[in-house]
Each structure stands twice: as structure tokens, then as C-alpha cells.
Protein backbone atom coordinates (compact mmCIF):
# COMPACT_ATOMS: atom_id res chain seq x y z
CA MET A 1 181.97 -27.62 -0.13
CA LYS A 2 178.54 -26.70 1.09
CA ARG A 3 179.92 -25.09 4.22
CA PHE A 4 182.45 -23.02 2.22
CA PHE A 5 179.63 -21.86 -0.04
CA ASN A 6 177.57 -20.76 2.95
CA TYR A 7 180.43 -18.74 4.40
CA THR A 8 181.19 -17.19 1.01
CA PHE A 9 177.57 -16.34 0.37
CA SER A 10 177.19 -14.87 3.83
CA GLY A 11 180.29 -12.70 3.40
CA PHE A 12 179.05 -11.47 0.02
CA LEU A 13 175.67 -10.66 1.51
CA LEU A 14 177.23 -8.64 4.32
CA LEU A 15 179.41 -6.67 1.86
CA THR A 16 176.36 -5.97 -0.27
CA ILE A 17 174.40 -4.70 2.70
CA PHE A 18 177.39 -2.58 3.87
CA PHE A 19 177.91 -0.81 0.55
CA SER A 20 174.20 -0.38 -0.06
CA CYS A 21 173.86 1.36 3.36
CA GLN A 22 176.71 3.76 2.75
CA LYS A 23 175.44 7.38 2.38
CA GLU A 24 176.65 9.36 -0.52
CA TYR A 25 177.74 12.86 0.66
CA GLU A 26 177.69 15.89 -1.60
CA THR A 27 180.97 17.63 -2.25
CA ILE A 28 181.53 21.21 -1.19
CA ASP A 29 181.62 22.17 -4.87
CA VAL A 30 178.08 20.86 -5.36
CA ILE A 31 176.78 22.53 -2.19
CA ASP A 32 178.47 25.82 -3.01
CA ASP A 33 177.15 25.94 -6.54
CA ARG A 34 173.57 25.11 -5.44
CA ASN A 35 173.65 27.75 -2.72
CA VAL A 36 175.06 30.39 -5.08
CA GLN A 37 172.45 29.66 -7.77
CA GLU A 38 169.57 29.68 -5.27
CA TYR A 39 170.79 32.99 -3.85
CA ILE A 40 171.12 34.66 -7.22
CA GLN A 41 167.69 33.50 -8.30
CA LEU A 42 166.02 34.37 -4.99
CA ASN A 43 167.47 37.87 -5.01
CA LYS A 44 166.91 38.37 -8.75
CA ILE A 45 170.54 39.42 -9.33
CA ASN A 46 171.78 39.76 -12.89
CA MET A 47 175.29 38.25 -12.79
CA GLN A 48 177.83 36.56 -14.97
CA GLU A 49 180.12 33.73 -14.09
CA TYR A 50 183.84 34.49 -14.28
CA GLN A 51 185.62 32.03 -16.54
CA GLY A 52 183.83 28.92 -15.21
CA THR A 53 185.23 29.42 -11.67
CA GLY A 54 181.91 29.49 -9.86
CA VAL A 55 182.44 33.14 -8.97
CA TYR A 56 179.69 35.46 -10.22
CA TYR A 57 180.06 39.20 -10.72
CA GLN A 58 178.13 42.33 -11.54
CA VAL A 59 179.70 45.69 -12.31
CA VAL A 60 177.45 48.02 -10.29
CA SER A 61 179.23 51.22 -11.40
CA PRO A 62 181.94 51.10 -14.10
CA GLY A 63 185.32 52.43 -13.09
CA ALA A 64 186.05 55.97 -14.26
CA GLY A 65 189.48 56.44 -12.74
CA PRO A 66 192.93 55.16 -13.61
CA GLU A 67 193.44 51.47 -14.39
CA VAL A 68 194.30 49.46 -11.28
CA GLN A 69 197.29 47.14 -11.00
CA TYR A 70 198.04 44.50 -8.40
CA SER A 71 201.05 46.64 -7.41
CA ASP A 72 198.86 49.65 -6.67
CA LYS A 73 197.87 50.71 -3.19
CA ILE A 74 194.15 51.42 -3.44
CA PRO A 75 191.63 52.75 -0.92
CA ALA A 76 188.50 50.55 -1.00
CA LEU A 77 185.18 50.24 0.80
CA ILE A 78 184.14 46.64 1.25
CA THR A 79 180.87 45.15 2.41
CA MET A 80 180.48 41.45 2.98
CA ARG A 81 177.73 39.07 3.98
CA SER A 82 177.32 35.27 3.93
CA LEU A 83 174.56 33.96 1.76
CA ASP A 84 172.70 32.56 4.71
CA GLY A 85 172.74 35.95 6.45
CA LYS A 86 174.61 34.71 9.52
CA TYR A 87 177.54 36.98 8.89
CA VAL A 88 177.02 40.64 7.91
CA SER A 89 179.68 43.36 7.67
CA VAL A 90 178.22 46.45 6.04
CA ASP A 91 179.50 49.34 8.19
CA THR A 92 181.80 51.32 5.91
CA PHE A 93 183.35 53.27 8.79
CA SER A 94 184.98 50.27 10.50
CA ILE A 95 188.31 48.46 10.23
CA ALA A 96 186.68 45.46 8.59
CA ASN A 97 185.18 47.54 5.78
CA ARG A 98 188.09 49.87 4.84
CA TYR A 99 191.20 48.74 3.01
CA TYR A 100 194.29 50.65 1.93
CA ASN A 101 197.17 48.58 0.80
CA PHE A 102 198.44 46.80 -2.32
CA LEU A 103 195.59 45.28 -4.31
CA GLY A 104 197.65 42.15 -4.71
CA TYR A 105 197.64 41.63 -0.93
CA TYR A 106 193.85 41.47 -0.54
CA ASN A 107 192.22 38.19 0.34
CA PRO A 108 190.35 36.22 -0.77
CA GLU A 109 191.84 36.03 -4.24
CA PRO A 110 188.58 36.41 -6.22
CA ILE A 111 188.18 39.92 -4.86
CA ARG A 112 191.51 41.15 -6.18
CA ILE A 113 190.94 39.36 -9.50
CA GLY A 114 187.49 40.91 -9.75
CA VAL A 115 188.80 44.41 -9.17
CA LYS A 116 191.78 44.04 -11.52
CA GLU A 117 190.35 41.90 -14.33
CA VAL A 118 186.64 42.79 -14.33
CA LEU A 119 186.24 46.26 -12.82
CA LYS A 120 189.67 47.28 -14.18
CA LYS A 121 189.52 50.93 -13.12
CA SER A 122 189.23 52.79 -9.85
CA ASN A 123 186.26 54.99 -8.93
CA GLY A 124 183.92 52.10 -9.62
CA THR A 125 181.96 49.36 -7.83
CA ILE A 126 181.82 45.61 -8.34
CA ARG A 127 179.63 43.01 -6.65
CA MET A 128 180.73 39.39 -6.45
CA ILE A 129 179.24 36.12 -5.21
CA ILE A 130 182.16 33.96 -4.04
CA PRO A 131 181.66 30.25 -3.21
CA SER A 132 183.08 29.14 0.12
CA ARG A 133 185.82 26.99 -1.41
CA LEU A 134 187.25 30.17 -3.06
CA ALA A 135 186.50 32.43 -0.06
CA PHE A 136 187.75 31.37 3.42
CA GLY A 137 187.06 27.62 3.11
CA ARG A 138 186.01 25.22 5.84
CA ASN A 139 187.71 27.14 8.63
CA GLY A 140 186.39 30.61 7.93
CA SER A 141 188.31 33.71 9.05
CA GLY A 142 187.78 35.64 12.25
CA SER A 143 183.98 36.18 12.58
CA ILE A 144 183.36 34.79 9.12
CA PRO A 145 182.12 31.19 9.63
CA GLY A 146 183.48 28.17 7.89
CA ASN A 147 181.99 27.01 4.56
CA ALA A 148 180.40 30.44 4.03
CA SER A 149 179.77 31.62 0.49
CA LEU A 150 179.94 35.38 0.39
CA ASP A 151 178.15 38.30 -1.26
CA VAL A 152 180.83 40.96 -1.55
CA THR A 153 180.69 44.59 -2.85
CA VAL A 154 183.87 46.49 -3.41
CA ARG A 155 184.02 50.20 -4.13
CA ALA A 156 187.53 51.05 -5.42
CA LEU A 157 188.13 54.69 -4.74
CA ASP A 158 190.24 56.94 -6.93
CA ILE A 159 193.00 58.10 -4.60
CA SER A 160 193.36 61.36 -6.47
CA LYS A 161 189.72 62.22 -5.59
CA LEU A 162 189.79 61.09 -1.99
CA VAL A 163 189.75 64.73 -0.65
CA GLN A 164 186.51 65.40 -2.54
CA TYR A 165 185.02 62.10 -1.44
CA GLU A 166 185.76 62.80 2.21
CA ASP A 167 184.42 66.33 2.02
CA PHE A 168 181.19 64.96 0.59
CA THR A 169 181.09 62.41 3.39
CA ILE A 170 181.49 65.11 6.04
CA LYS A 171 178.65 67.17 4.54
CA LYS A 172 176.36 64.14 4.52
CA TYR A 173 177.34 63.38 8.16
CA LEU A 174 176.55 66.92 9.28
CA GLU A 175 173.27 66.88 7.42
CA SER A 176 172.12 63.47 8.64
CA ASN A 177 172.92 64.37 12.23
CA SER A 178 171.42 67.86 12.06
CA LEU A 179 174.77 69.45 12.91
CA THR A 180 174.86 73.10 11.97
CA GLY A 181 177.08 76.15 12.46
CA PHE A 182 180.29 74.58 11.29
CA THR A 183 183.00 76.49 9.48
CA LYS A 184 185.27 74.86 6.84
CA THR A 185 188.86 75.91 6.60
CA THR A 186 190.87 76.02 3.38
CA THR A 187 192.57 72.79 4.46
CA GLY A 188 189.24 70.87 4.76
CA LEU A 189 188.87 70.99 8.56
CA TYR A 190 185.34 71.64 9.83
CA TYR A 191 184.99 73.27 13.21
CA LYS A 192 182.42 74.75 15.55
CA ILE A 193 183.37 76.75 18.60
CA GLY A 194 181.14 75.99 21.58
CA GLN A 195 182.84 78.39 24.08
CA PRO A 196 185.71 80.63 22.93
CA GLY A 197 187.31 80.55 26.42
CA THR A 198 188.52 83.57 28.44
CA GLY A 199 191.84 82.33 29.76
CA SER A 200 195.29 82.00 28.20
CA PRO A 201 195.57 81.87 24.44
CA ILE A 202 196.78 78.61 22.83
CA THR A 203 199.74 78.39 20.42
CA LEU A 204 201.49 75.45 18.85
CA ASP A 205 204.08 75.61 21.61
CA SER A 206 201.45 75.42 24.35
CA THR A 207 200.85 72.38 26.56
CA ILE A 208 197.14 71.92 27.13
CA VAL A 209 195.05 69.96 29.60
CA ALA A 210 191.84 68.77 28.00
CA ASN A 211 188.90 66.50 28.22
CA TYR A 212 187.73 65.14 24.90
CA THR A 213 185.92 62.44 23.02
CA GLY A 214 187.02 61.07 19.63
CA LYS A 215 184.69 59.01 17.56
CA LEU A 216 184.29 57.57 14.04
CA LEU A 217 181.39 58.67 11.83
CA ASN A 218 179.44 55.54 12.77
CA GLY A 219 179.43 56.70 16.41
CA THR A 220 182.13 54.37 17.65
CA ILE A 221 184.20 56.06 20.35
CA PHE A 222 187.91 55.25 19.82
CA ASP A 223 189.40 57.56 22.44
CA ARG A 224 188.30 59.77 25.32
CA ALA A 225 189.51 61.60 28.39
CA LEU A 226 186.62 62.86 30.47
CA ALA A 227 186.44 65.50 33.25
CA GLY A 228 188.47 64.21 36.21
CA SER A 229 190.87 62.27 34.02
CA GLU A 230 191.95 65.02 31.58
CA ALA A 231 194.84 64.37 29.26
CA THR A 232 197.87 66.63 28.83
CA PHE A 233 199.23 67.29 25.34
CA LYS A 234 201.85 69.36 23.64
CA VAL A 235 199.84 71.01 20.80
CA ASN A 236 202.59 70.69 18.22
CA SER A 237 202.70 66.91 18.84
CA LEU A 238 199.06 66.38 17.84
CA VAL A 239 197.48 65.54 14.47
CA ASN A 240 197.11 68.44 12.08
CA GLY A 241 193.43 68.79 12.67
CA TRP A 242 194.08 69.56 16.34
CA ARG A 243 197.07 71.78 15.58
CA GLN A 244 194.85 73.88 13.34
CA GLY A 245 191.69 73.81 15.44
CA ILE A 246 192.71 74.05 19.09
CA PRO A 247 194.45 77.46 18.85
CA LEU A 248 191.11 78.84 17.71
CA ILE A 249 189.98 78.83 21.37
CA LYS A 250 191.49 79.86 24.70
CA GLN A 251 191.72 78.22 28.10
CA GLY A 252 188.25 77.22 29.27
CA GLY A 253 186.98 77.02 25.69
CA SER A 254 185.36 74.12 23.82
CA ILE A 255 185.40 73.20 20.11
CA ARG A 256 184.12 70.42 17.91
CA LEU A 257 186.38 69.28 15.10
CA ILE A 258 185.43 67.15 12.08
CA VAL A 259 188.83 66.03 10.83
CA PRO A 260 189.37 64.55 7.33
CA SER A 261 191.95 61.77 7.14
CA ALA A 262 194.53 64.03 5.56
CA LEU A 263 194.56 66.07 8.78
CA GLY A 264 194.20 62.99 11.02
CA TYR A 265 195.74 59.60 10.64
CA GLY A 266 196.01 59.50 6.87
CA LEU A 267 195.30 56.72 4.42
CA GLU A 268 196.74 54.03 6.69
CA GLY A 269 194.70 54.89 9.80
CA SER A 270 195.95 53.80 13.21
CA SER A 271 195.40 50.14 14.07
CA PRO A 272 193.51 48.77 15.90
CA SER A 273 190.94 51.45 16.44
CA ILE A 274 191.08 53.95 13.59
CA PRO A 275 190.36 52.47 10.13
CA SER A 276 192.09 53.56 6.90
CA PHE A 277 191.27 57.02 5.54
CA SER A 278 188.89 57.78 8.40
CA VAL A 279 187.15 61.11 9.08
CA LEU A 280 187.14 61.75 12.84
CA ASP A 281 184.75 63.69 15.04
CA PHE A 282 186.32 65.30 18.17
CA GLU A 283 184.71 67.25 20.95
CA VAL A 284 187.30 69.03 23.02
CA THR A 285 187.28 71.26 26.13
CA VAL A 286 190.61 72.81 27.18
CA THR A 287 190.71 73.19 30.95
CA ASP A 288 194.25 74.51 31.33
CA VAL A 289 197.01 76.00 29.20
CA LYS A 290 200.69 75.94 30.00
CA GLN A 291 203.01 78.01 27.81
């Protein structure tokens, strides 16, 4: 009886030690909520929680356009950063920051809910703090790390005013880069002739040989063909901006074209290098013309 008691007492003591040594780990909900609260307080952001979800929002600029629906295709500018600063995506002229598709397709879900249920109208801006469990979770997404709570700002553009928005963007681009001497056409194309050229004239039916550089407004070069590796094009097969601009010069001439998306690759852009509704900057020299 004494021996049995010793064994039983020893086992009980071991179990007591085992359970007392177990570490209690915080759940991701607790970690998320603490990180979000600390971030909001540190940055002195005036935000409201959305229906007890842990998502916080602030309407930066109330929507003034049509009401948005999940079934609407909307153009949007999106900036995103993790609360710890390890991930930052704030360049609005890149693929990651431009969206044109059905609102109901956009992930993570709190963003589409915030635009539809809180912002409600296009031509407005909303900022959201999204806990990691409702963002991209433990695995993250692409360059977004796992367990990253996000600070997201969405500017939902009014598609009916996109032409005016892009024209304003072009003017700011020219001003900020000290680019002068450009002419604007009635279609919205901006151009500046460097050399008019003295050779053969160019028509829509012409085939041209050219060296050129195409870049986004953030300076990213998405395409180029330099001297010694010129490209050959049929003019009438090119985007509207080129079809309108290239015939303004002759063989041997050079021209710079600032092309709004309506004269370029449109609302959808051209994956993987040209984002949705992108204004494009081309510098072109035509070295030969074949009629």
C-alpha cells in the first residue's frame, strides 16, 4: 500500500510539474487586435471599428460619384503597407497598385466590403486597418508576409471621369519633370516633336523601322528597342497614340508621346508589364519608312 501510494504521488507530482511548465500562447486574434490598437494610437488615426470585426476604417474623402455594386467593374488606386513597415506598396503607377475588375472579385474581402458598405460611392477614398486573420493569413500573398496586418487606402475612381483624371495626371507629370513644349490634341494625346525628319512621310499604311523607349509614369521601362536593334511596325497595327502621333514626323524624325490609357492599352492594361488604365511615355525615333 505504501509503495502504491509512492508511485501514485510521484505520478501526480510529475503531471503537476508538466502542466505548470506549459507555456500559454496568445491566439492570432489577440495578437492582431493588440497590434492594430497600438498602430492606431501610435499614428493618432481617428478610426471606427466595422461591426465588431476587428477591421477599422476612416473615410478620407466621401464618394461623390455613382453608388458602387459588387457587380461593377471599378478602376481603383490601392496603397498597402504592413503595420510593422516590412511590406510597403505605395507606387500608384504599378500593377500592384492599380485595379480594374469587378469589385466583388477583389481580395481580401474587407476591402471590397469597405468600398461597398462604408464608402458606398465612387470618386472617394477609404482607409482601412485589416488584421492579418482577415487579410492574407499566416501564409501571406506574394511579397506580403504571413501574419501581416495591413494599412490599406483605396481610392475608387469614377469611371465616367477617368479622362479628366488622366489629363490632370499628365499635366502634373509634365510639371514635376520640367517637361515643356508639348502640344495636346483633341483626343488627349500629348506630343513634342524633337526632329521633324526630312525623309519619306509616314501614313497609317506605312511600315516603319524605329528605336524607342516606353515607360510608365514612375519611370519603369516596360519596352524598348534601341539603335542597332530597331523594331519594325506596321503603323496601323499600333495603339491609337502611335497611330495619331507617328505620322506627325517623317523618316529620320523623333517624337515624344504621352499617351492616355484610352489611346494606349485601355482600362485593362497589358499584363504583366502595363498596369490598368496606365498613361504611357514613349520616345520614338523613326529610322526608316517603307510605304
